[in-house]
Every structure is written in C-alpha cells, then in structure tokens.
Amino acid sequence: MEKSKDELLAGISKLSGLDPFPDEIFYQIFEIEDNVERTQYVEALRKEAGKLKRRPEFNNLYRAFVYAVSDGAWGVQLVFDNKVILGTRARKTRTRSFNAFSSIDYPETAVFRDTRLVTFLRRPTDQPPVRFYERLEPAVFVLRLVPGMRADIIPLLAPHYRALVLESFGVGGLPGGEHGEMFAALRRWCESGRLAVFTTQVPHEGCDLAVYEVGRAVGELPGVLEARDMTPEAVAVKLMWALGQTTDRAEAEKLFLTPVQWDIL
C-alpha cells in the first residue's frame, strides 16, 4: 500500500518532540522514496533537520535526515553514531557505549565524517518498487536453548504460537540429536502444521544444520527452516511478517526464505 503525502509530513512534524534517537520510526517513514514525489517533502525534512541539529541529543536523528535526502539513500537503514547500517544487518551489541549498533557480517552502507556523508554502497540498480505491509503475526516465540532445558516447554507453547524460533548452540542442532526428547517434541510441533526456525546464539557467521549429527536429522523435518546468516532480530520479525500474509505453511516458508534486502547472504 502507498502512504499519502499528508501522512508522511505528519510523521515528520512529530519527530522533533520524541525522545532521543527514535531511529526505528525514521526508517519506516522514509522507505517511501519510490512511492511519493521526493521533491515535495525534502524541504520539510530539511527544515525539521535544521531544528534538530541544534539539539545535541538528536545527533543521530539529524544525520538520519541528512542521509534520507541524499542522492545515495536507499532501502531501510539504521543511522547511529555516524554509521549507516543496512536495517536487516543491524544489531545492538553494546548497552552503554555510543557505538551501540554493529553491522553483522556485512559492510556499513555509509559513514559520516564530521558532517560529510561518505557513501560506500550505492543504491542497487534492480531495486524493486516499495510495498508497505501492515499485518504482522505476533504468535512467534523465540526460545533460547540452554543445557538441561526440558522438552515439555514446547507443547506448552503450542496452544498460543504458530512458529518457534530456536536459538541453538554453535552452527545449530538439538541436544540429544534425533533420539532426544527435544527432537520428539519438535517433531510433534511440526506435525501439527507449525513452523520452527533454527538460528544460533553466536553473533557471526550463522547456522548450518548439516554440519553435525545433532542438526542433520532435525533439519530434515517438514516445517523446520534454517535462518542461515540472518540476525535473530531479523528472523523473528520476518517470520511475523510471513505468517501475517498467509495461513498456508508452505507459502509462509517460501516468503521467509526469499531474501529481502540482503537479510540472507
């Protein structure tokens, strides 16, 4: 769906009154450059950015505006601490430092050197038209595996959730392999028509269920998917998005495994 100019400008006008660093609002507003005549709202952006520049706590948001109106702007980006990071590759890696976000297994799109924007990755020539989606399925549960976890947690989740994201160890797998209680519980979960997606607790390089015996058997279960090198945050949100578009498991699998803005490399 398209956003009207009035909706966009209303969103812009609210930004100066928000708490510091509302970057997530910024990305959603500006993923619209293909749908709206850019020249009609760039000036509004510049005026709002001028106000924010005089408030130190809005340094990130000011640079987000600067990036948004630059000729090289594209996609959904996170602008923080002078870095421009592709939204699907961004992850918060520090709680107190100013360099709180990192680009995981992917180069930064651009950087700010003082007030100068230096773009590294240009807008792709085959960028598809922008579409907006407003339906997300919240019935997705993220389960971080720990040693000794009991398998009865999985049937307890079944009445309330359509999909399960399992943050596993190393490159992925289940404790006990195909003969363990966790495997049996996950097999029943999938037999009921639900999805299970494996990711890893390790920050870099992703998962691969085919590497070890504890992962191979579970990877062959119908309804089990691999996140590969997606970030855990991208996995959960993309799964919510896919399930929000369809009730058919096969179609949801297809949507999830379709790369979106280099979330899968």
Protein backbone atom coordinates (compact mmCIF):
# COMPACT_ATOMS: atom_id res chain seq x y z
CA MET A 1 0.00 0.00 0.00
CA GLU A 2 1.08 3.60 -0.55
CA LYS A 3 1.36 6.36 2.02
CA SER A 4 -0.13 9.77 1.28
CA LYS A 5 1.95 12.95 1.40
CA ASP A 6 -0.13 14.17 4.33
CA GLU A 7 0.70 11.03 6.33
CA LEU A 8 4.39 11.42 5.61
CA LEU A 9 4.53 15.08 6.53
CA ALA A 10 2.52 14.45 9.70
CA GLY A 11 5.07 11.85 10.73
CA ILE A 12 7.93 14.25 10.05
CA SER A 13 6.37 17.03 12.10
CA LYS A 14 6.12 14.77 15.18
CA LEU A 15 9.75 13.72 15.22
CA SER A 16 11.17 16.80 16.97
CA GLY A 17 9.05 16.10 20.06
CA LEU A 18 10.11 12.48 20.54
CA ASP A 19 12.62 11.07 23.00
CA PRO A 20 16.20 10.91 21.68
CA PHE A 21 17.15 8.54 18.89
CA PRO A 22 13.75 7.31 17.59
CA ASP A 23 15.53 5.82 14.58
CA GLU A 24 13.10 2.95 14.11
CA ILE A 25 10.36 5.48 13.31
CA PHE A 26 12.65 7.12 10.81
CA TYR A 27 13.25 4.01 8.74
CA GLN A 28 9.56 3.25 8.37
CA ILE A 29 8.73 6.77 7.27
CA PHE A 30 11.43 7.02 4.65
CA GLU A 31 11.08 3.69 2.91
CA ILE A 32 8.83 5.56 0.50
CA GLU A 33 11.04 7.36 -1.95
CA ASP A 34 9.73 5.34 -4.89
CA ASN A 35 6.08 5.98 -3.99
CA VAL A 36 5.96 9.70 -3.38
CA GLU A 37 7.37 12.63 -5.34
CA ARG A 38 10.53 13.24 -3.42
CA THR A 39 10.79 16.96 -4.11
CA GLN A 40 7.55 17.69 -2.25
CA TYR A 41 8.78 16.54 1.14
CA VAL A 42 12.55 17.04 1.02
CA GLU A 43 12.17 20.68 2.03
CA ALA A 44 10.08 19.70 5.04
CA LEU A 45 12.82 17.26 6.03
CA ARG A 46 15.49 19.90 5.77
CA LYS A 47 13.57 22.36 7.94
CA GLU A 48 12.97 19.76 10.64
CA ALA A 49 16.58 18.61 10.48
CA GLY A 50 17.75 22.17 10.98
CA LYS A 51 15.89 22.35 14.28
CA LEU A 52 17.24 19.01 15.44
CA LYS A 53 20.84 19.90 14.61
CA ARG A 54 20.82 22.45 17.42
CA ARG A 55 19.90 19.79 19.98
CA PRO A 56 22.87 17.50 20.75
CA GLU A 57 20.72 14.60 21.88
CA PHE A 58 19.25 14.40 18.38
CA ASN A 59 22.58 13.97 16.59
CA ASN A 60 21.58 10.54 15.26
CA LEU A 61 18.23 11.70 14.00
CA TYR A 62 19.76 14.74 12.31
CA ARG A 63 22.17 12.50 10.40
CA ALA A 64 19.31 10.21 9.54
CA PHE A 65 17.59 13.16 7.85
CA VAL A 66 20.80 14.06 6.01
CA TYR A 67 21.14 10.51 4.74
CA ALA A 68 17.45 10.31 3.77
CA VAL A 69 17.63 13.34 1.49
CA SER A 70 20.95 12.40 -0.06
CA ASP A 71 21.07 11.14 -3.63
CA GLY A 72 22.57 7.84 -2.50
CA ALA A 73 19.84 6.95 0.02
CA TRP A 74 18.11 3.60 -0.46
CA GLY A 75 16.36 0.83 1.43
CA VAL A 76 15.77 0.68 5.17
CA GLN A 77 18.85 1.90 7.05
CA LEU A 78 19.85 2.49 10.66
CA VAL A 79 21.77 5.72 11.24
CA PHE A 80 23.64 5.76 14.54
CA ASP A 81 26.96 7.09 15.82
CA ASN A 82 27.96 8.38 12.36
CA LYS A 83 27.38 4.98 10.77
CA VAL A 84 24.72 3.96 8.25
CA ILE A 85 23.86 0.27 8.61
CA LEU A 86 21.55 -1.80 6.47
CA GLY A 87 18.46 -2.46 8.61
CA THR A 88 18.45 -6.22 8.09
CA ARG A 89 22.11 -6.50 9.17
CA ALA A 90 21.96 -4.17 12.18
CA ARG A 91 22.18 -5.43 15.73
CA LYS A 92 22.60 -3.73 19.08
CA THR A 93 25.86 -5.02 20.54
CA ARG A 94 26.53 -2.56 23.40
CA THR A 95 24.25 -1.15 26.08
CA ARG A 96 26.18 1.90 27.29
CA SER A 97 28.57 2.95 24.53
CA PHE A 98 27.74 5.42 21.78
CA ASN A 99 28.74 2.85 19.16
CA ALA A 100 25.84 0.71 20.31
CA PHE A 101 24.95 -0.86 16.94
CA SER A 102 27.05 -3.05 14.65
CA SER A 103 26.62 -4.31 11.12
CA ILE A 104 26.69 -8.10 11.34
CA ASP A 105 28.65 -9.88 8.59
CA TYR A 106 28.01 -7.03 6.14
CA PRO A 107 29.79 -3.74 5.40
CA GLU A 108 28.36 -0.42 6.53
CA THR A 109 26.37 1.36 3.83
CA ALA A 110 27.90 4.77 4.56
CA VAL A 111 29.59 6.81 7.27
CA PHE A 112 29.56 10.42 8.39
CA ARG A 113 32.95 12.11 8.68
CA ASP A 114 32.03 15.14 10.73
CA THR A 115 29.11 16.48 8.66
CA ARG A 116 30.20 14.89 5.37
CA LEU A 117 28.36 11.79 4.21
CA VAL A 118 30.60 9.20 2.56
CA THR A 119 28.61 6.51 0.77
CA PHE A 120 30.18 3.07 0.32
CA LEU A 121 27.30 1.00 -1.06
CA ARG A 122 25.23 2.69 -3.75
CA ARG A 123 21.56 2.13 -4.45
CA PRO A 124 21.14 -1.19 -6.32
CA THR A 125 20.05 -0.76 -9.92
CA ASP A 126 17.49 -3.58 -9.65
CA GLN A 127 15.77 -2.23 -6.53
CA PRO A 128 12.09 -3.33 -6.74
CA PRO A 129 9.20 -0.91 -6.14
CA VAL A 130 8.44 -0.31 -2.48
CA ARG A 131 5.49 -2.05 -0.87
CA PHE A 132 4.07 -1.44 2.60
CA TYR A 133 2.70 -4.23 4.77
CA GLU A 134 0.61 -3.63 7.85
CA ARG A 135 -0.09 -7.18 9.02
CA LEU A 136 2.23 -8.99 11.40
CA GLU A 137 1.51 -12.26 13.19
CA PRO A 138 2.68 -11.85 16.80
CA ALA A 139 2.32 -15.57 17.61
CA VAL A 140 6.05 -16.21 17.18
CA PHE A 141 8.06 -17.38 20.19
CA VAL A 142 11.85 -17.10 20.47
CA LEU A 143 13.31 -19.91 22.57
CA ARG A 144 16.95 -19.71 23.63
CA LEU A 145 18.22 -23.21 24.30
CA VAL A 146 20.25 -23.81 27.45
CA PRO A 147 21.89 -27.01 28.70
CA GLY A 148 19.39 -29.17 30.56
CA MET A 149 16.29 -27.47 29.17
CA ARG A 150 13.26 -29.76 29.42
CA ALA A 151 11.38 -30.68 26.26
CA ASP A 152 7.94 -30.07 27.80
CA ILE A 153 8.36 -26.35 27.17
CA ILE A 154 7.44 -26.92 23.51
CA PRO A 155 3.93 -28.44 23.98
CA LEU A 156 3.19 -25.69 26.50
CA LEU A 157 3.74 -23.12 23.72
CA ALA A 158 1.66 -24.93 21.11
CA PRO A 159 -1.79 -23.51 22.03
CA HIS A 160 -0.52 -19.94 21.77
CA TYR A 161 2.04 -19.79 18.96
CA ARG A 162 2.24 -20.61 15.26
CA ALA A 163 6.00 -20.57 14.95
CA LEU A 164 9.06 -21.17 17.09
CA VAL A 165 12.50 -19.60 16.67
CA LEU A 166 15.15 -21.74 18.36
CA GLU A 167 18.41 -20.04 19.27
CA SER A 168 20.67 -23.07 19.26
CA PHE A 169 24.33 -23.71 20.05
CA GLY A 170 27.10 -23.17 17.51
CA VAL A 171 26.05 -23.94 13.95
CA GLY A 172 22.76 -25.43 15.17
CA GLY A 173 21.11 -28.62 16.34
CA LEU A 174 19.23 -30.10 19.27
CA PRO A 175 20.69 -31.64 22.44
CA GLY A 176 20.36 -35.41 22.22
CA GLY A 177 20.04 -35.47 18.45
CA GLU A 178 17.23 -37.42 16.82
CA HIS A 179 16.87 -39.76 19.81
CA GLY A 180 16.38 -37.00 22.37
CA GLU A 181 13.15 -35.77 23.97
CA MET A 182 13.59 -32.31 22.46
CA PHE A 183 13.62 -33.81 18.96
CA ALA A 184 10.41 -35.75 19.63
CA ALA A 185 8.69 -32.63 20.97
CA LEU A 186 9.76 -30.56 17.96
CA ARG A 187 8.63 -33.28 15.55
CA ARG A 188 5.14 -33.18 17.10
CA TRP A 189 5.20 -29.38 16.88
CA CYS A 190 5.88 -29.54 13.16
CA GLU A 191 3.38 -32.34 12.56
CA SER A 192 0.70 -30.00 13.89
CA GLY A 193 1.35 -27.64 10.98
CA ARG A 194 3.56 -25.15 12.77
CA LEU A 195 6.93 -23.74 11.76
CA ALA A 196 10.27 -23.97 13.56
CA VAL A 197 13.24 -21.84 12.54
CA PHE A 198 16.78 -22.56 13.74
CA THR A 199 19.23 -19.75 14.34
CA THR A 200 22.33 -19.53 16.51
CA GLN A 201 23.33 -17.79 19.72
CA VAL A 202 26.66 -16.90 18.13
CA PRO A 203 26.76 -13.32 16.74
CA HIS A 204 28.59 -14.06 13.49
CA GLU A 205 28.57 -16.48 10.53
CA GLY A 206 25.12 -18.01 11.03
CA CYS A 207 23.89 -21.58 11.40
CA ASP A 208 24.16 -24.72 9.29
CA LEU A 209 22.23 -27.76 10.49
CA ALA A 210 24.05 -30.06 8.06
CA VAL A 211 27.42 -29.78 9.84
CA TYR A 212 26.83 -32.02 12.87
CA GLU A 213 24.73 -35.11 13.53
CA VAL A 214 22.62 -33.30 16.16
CA GLY A 215 21.43 -30.93 13.42
CA ARG A 216 21.05 -33.11 10.33
CA ALA A 217 18.01 -35.09 11.42
CA VAL A 218 16.08 -32.11 12.75
CA GLY A 219 16.87 -30.18 9.57
CA GLU A 220 15.01 -32.82 7.56
CA LEU A 221 11.74 -32.44 9.48
CA PRO A 222 8.94 -30.85 7.42
CA GLY A 223 8.33 -27.37 8.78
CA VAL A 224 11.91 -26.82 10.02
CA LEU A 225 13.77 -23.91 8.41
CA GLU A 226 17.27 -22.52 8.80
CA ALA A 227 17.90 -18.82 9.38
CA ARG A 228 21.37 -19.22 7.89
CA ASP A 229 23.20 -15.91 8.45
CA MET A 230 20.20 -13.76 9.33
CA THR A 231 20.35 -11.86 12.62
CA PRO A 232 17.99 -13.20 15.31
CA GLU A 233 16.05 -9.92 15.25
CA ALA A 234 15.54 -10.17 11.50
CA VAL A 235 14.48 -13.82 11.86
CA ALA A 236 11.71 -13.07 14.37
CA VAL A 237 10.30 -10.06 12.54
CA LYS A 238 10.46 -11.66 9.11
CA LEU A 239 8.65 -14.71 10.45
CA MET A 240 5.94 -12.46 11.91
CA TRP A 241 5.65 -10.75 8.54
CA ALA A 242 5.48 -14.01 6.54
CA LEU A 243 2.82 -15.53 8.80
CA GLY A 244 0.87 -12.28 8.64
CA GLN A 245 0.46 -12.66 4.89
CA THR A 246 -0.77 -16.26 4.75
CA THR A 247 -2.11 -19.15 6.80
CA ASP A 248 -0.52 -21.70 4.46
CA ARG A 249 2.71 -23.10 5.92
CA ALA A 250 4.33 -23.79 2.55
CA GLU A 251 3.66 -20.24 1.40
CA ALA A 252 4.99 -18.84 4.67
CA GLU A 253 8.16 -20.91 4.23
CA LYS A 254 8.60 -19.51 0.73
CA LEU A 255 8.19 -15.93 1.93
CA PHE A 256 10.62 -16.46 4.79
CA LEU A 257 13.33 -17.96 2.57
CA THR A 258 13.05 -15.21 -0.06
CA PRO A 259 15.94 -12.76 0.50
CA VAL A 260 14.86 -9.24 1.45
CA GLN A 261 17.48 -6.50 1.38
CA TRP A 262 20.41 -8.88 1.95
CA ASP A 263 18.98 -10.43 5.11
CA ILE A 264 20.18 -13.77 3.71
CA LEU A 265 23.64 -13.68 2.13
